[in-house]
């Protein structure tokens, strides 16, 4: 089983050509989209508002056209269905994102979690875990949570 897991990572998430910035960017985008999907699935209910927020955020974060967003999200969904843990996604974020980009990702995760007007304890736990894995400070974790919460109350 361990061999299959290693093979999966090698085929799908390992950056094979470090000289090719496009493949690196695509792998990181895939990892970020997968983390957003994980947040949307964390409460064990698929809510269309979370899905819509995720699609919009992926489009904003990566400046992609709608067709590319759909492809990225479908591929990320496949990755999350097969991934045994968050490590392969957070590793790419750590390797290729600066601190400000990590904060943008975490902010997007909070926005997906709050999109259905309800923060589930499993969503918060997942975001906390990701924040720790990508080395975001607790102060920034809380600040981003409060910011997402405040923007929710403005739209309600």
Protein backbone atom coordinates (compact mmCIF):
# COMPACT_ATOMS: atom_id res chain seq x y z
CA UNK A 1 0.00 0.00 0.00
CA UNK A 2 2.81 2.42 0.81
CA UNK A 3 4.21 1.85 -2.67
CA UNK A 4 0.87 2.87 -4.23
CA UNK A 5 0.73 6.04 -2.14
CA UNK A 6 4.28 7.01 -3.12
CA UNK A 7 3.50 6.32 -6.77
CA UNK A 8 0.38 8.49 -6.59
CA UNK A 9 2.36 11.44 -5.21
CA UNK A 10 5.07 10.99 -7.78
CA UNK A 11 2.58 10.95 -10.67
CA UNK A 12 0.29 13.74 -9.55
CA UNK A 13 1.90 16.14 -7.13
CA UNK A 14 5.64 15.91 -7.40
CA UNK A 15 7.17 18.64 -9.44
CA UNK A 16 9.34 16.84 -11.92
CA UNK A 17 10.77 19.81 -13.75
CA UNK A 18 11.94 22.49 -11.35
CA UNK A 19 13.05 24.55 -14.33
CA UNK A 20 9.47 24.79 -15.59
CA UNK A 21 7.66 27.49 -13.60
CA UNK A 22 4.37 26.64 -15.30
CA UNK A 23 4.33 23.06 -13.97
CA UNK A 24 5.27 24.37 -10.52
CA UNK A 25 2.49 26.94 -10.61
CA UNK A 26 -0.06 24.34 -11.73
CA UNK A 27 0.95 21.93 -8.97
CA UNK A 28 0.63 24.65 -6.32
CA UNK A 29 -2.71 25.76 -7.72
CA UNK A 30 -3.89 22.17 -7.58
CA UNK A 31 -2.75 21.89 -3.96
CA UNK A 32 -4.55 25.11 -2.97
CA UNK A 33 -7.75 24.07 -4.75
CA UNK A 34 -7.56 20.71 -2.99
CA UNK A 35 -7.30 22.44 0.40
CA UNK A 36 -10.36 24.55 -0.41
CA UNK A 37 -12.24 21.40 -1.38
CA UNK A 38 -11.20 19.78 1.89
CA UNK A 39 -12.75 22.70 3.78
CA UNK A 40 -15.99 22.39 1.83
CA UNK A 41 -16.15 18.67 2.68
CA UNK A 42 -15.09 18.98 6.31
CA UNK A 43 -18.61 19.36 7.69
CA UNK A 44 -19.80 16.26 5.76
CA UNK A 45 -22.38 18.25 3.77
CA UNK A 46 -22.01 19.57 0.26
CA UNK A 47 -23.45 23.06 0.21
CA UNK A 48 -23.84 24.86 -3.09
CA UNK A 49 -22.88 28.17 -1.44
CA UNK A 50 -19.53 26.70 -0.38
CA UNK A 51 -18.98 25.29 -3.85
CA UNK A 52 -19.80 28.64 -5.46
CA UNK A 53 -17.48 30.46 -3.06
CA UNK A 54 -14.71 27.97 -3.78
CA UNK A 55 -15.06 28.40 -7.56
CA UNK A 56 -15.05 32.20 -7.23
CA UNK A 57 -12.03 32.17 -4.92
CA UNK A 58 -10.03 29.85 -7.17
CA UNK A 59 -10.78 32.15 -10.08
CA UNK A 60 -9.68 35.21 -8.06
CA UNK A 61 -6.59 33.65 -6.50
CA UNK A 62 -5.17 32.35 -9.77
CA UNK A 63 -6.74 34.66 -12.38
CA UNK A 64 -8.07 31.72 -14.38
CA UNK A 65 -10.88 31.64 -16.89
CA UNK A 66 -14.01 29.64 -15.94
CA UNK A 67 -13.08 26.62 -18.08
CA UNK A 68 -9.66 26.34 -16.43
CA UNK A 69 -11.24 26.76 -12.99
CA UNK A 70 -13.60 23.85 -13.70
CA UNK A 71 -10.71 21.65 -14.86
CA UNK A 72 -8.60 22.57 -11.84
CA UNK A 73 -11.41 21.88 -9.39
CA UNK A 74 -12.23 18.53 -11.00
CA UNK A 75 -8.60 17.48 -10.84
CA UNK A 76 -8.30 18.74 -7.25
CA UNK A 77 -11.42 16.75 -6.34
CA UNK A 78 -9.78 13.60 -7.71
CA UNK A 79 -6.64 14.38 -5.72
CA UNK A 80 -8.55 14.86 -2.45
CA UNK A 81 -10.47 11.63 -3.00
CA UNK A 82 -7.20 9.70 -3.23
CA UNK A 83 -5.01 11.64 -0.80
CA UNK A 84 -4.33 9.98 2.54
CA UNK A 85 -3.47 13.27 4.29
CA UNK A 86 -3.03 17.01 3.86
CA UNK A 87 0.75 16.75 3.82
CA UNK A 88 1.26 16.57 0.06
CA UNK A 89 -0.80 19.74 -0.38
CA UNK A 90 0.71 21.73 2.47
CA UNK A 91 4.22 20.70 1.46
CA UNK A 92 3.78 22.37 -1.93
CA UNK A 93 2.37 25.49 -0.29
CA UNK A 94 5.36 25.62 2.06
CA UNK A 95 7.85 25.03 -0.72
CA UNK A 96 6.53 27.64 -3.14
CA UNK A 97 4.47 30.22 -1.26
CA UNK A 98 5.64 33.19 0.71
CA UNK A 99 3.94 34.15 3.95
CA UNK A 100 1.54 36.63 2.31
CA UNK A 101 0.40 34.00 -0.20
CA UNK A 102 -0.18 31.58 2.67
CA UNK A 103 -2.35 34.21 4.35
CA UNK A 104 -4.37 34.61 1.13
CA UNK A 105 -4.91 30.86 1.01
CA UNK A 106 -5.98 30.73 4.65
CA UNK A 107 -8.33 33.67 4.11
CA UNK A 108 -9.91 31.82 1.17
CA UNK A 109 -10.33 28.72 3.34
CA UNK A 110 -12.17 30.80 5.96
CA UNK A 111 -14.39 32.29 3.27
CA UNK A 112 -15.36 28.83 2.03
CA UNK A 113 -16.06 27.69 5.58
CA UNK A 114 -18.32 30.68 6.27
CA UNK A 115 -20.04 30.61 2.85
CA UNK A 116 -22.96 28.57 4.20
CA UNK A 117 -23.43 31.00 7.13
CA UNK A 118 -22.23 28.35 9.56
CA UNK A 119 -18.75 27.53 10.81
CA UNK A 120 -18.65 23.86 11.65
CA UNK A 121 -16.15 22.65 14.25
CA UNK A 122 -14.62 20.29 11.68
CA UNK A 123 -14.06 23.14 9.24
CA UNK A 124 -12.35 25.20 11.92
CA UNK A 125 -10.22 22.23 12.98
CA UNK A 126 -9.11 21.62 9.40
CA UNK A 127 -8.19 25.26 8.86
CA UNK A 128 -6.29 25.32 12.15
CA UNK A 129 -4.40 22.19 11.13
CA UNK A 130 -3.50 23.65 7.74
CA UNK A 131 -2.41 26.92 9.38
CA UNK A 132 -0.06 24.98 11.61
CA UNK A 133 1.27 22.89 8.73
CA UNK A 134 2.03 25.96 6.62
CA UNK A 135 3.50 27.86 9.58
CA UNK A 136 0.96 30.66 9.87
CA UNK A 137 1.03 32.30 13.28
CA UNK A 138 -1.88 31.87 15.65
CA UNK A 139 -2.44 35.65 15.65
CA UNK A 140 -2.84 35.66 11.87
CA UNK A 141 -5.05 32.56 12.03
CA UNK A 142 -7.42 34.37 14.43
CA UNK A 143 -7.22 37.68 12.53
CA UNK A 144 -8.24 35.98 9.28
CA UNK A 145 -11.05 34.12 11.01
CA UNK A 146 -12.45 37.33 12.50
CA UNK A 147 -12.11 39.09 9.15
CA UNK A 148 -14.05 36.35 7.34
CA UNK A 149 -16.66 36.39 10.07
CA UNK A 150 -17.01 40.19 9.81
CA UNK A 151 -17.42 40.06 6.03
CA UNK A 152 -20.13 37.42 6.50
CA UNK A 153 -22.11 39.72 8.82
CA UNK A 154 -21.79 42.58 6.27
CA UNK A 155 -23.35 40.47 3.50
CA UNK A 156 -26.13 39.07 5.69
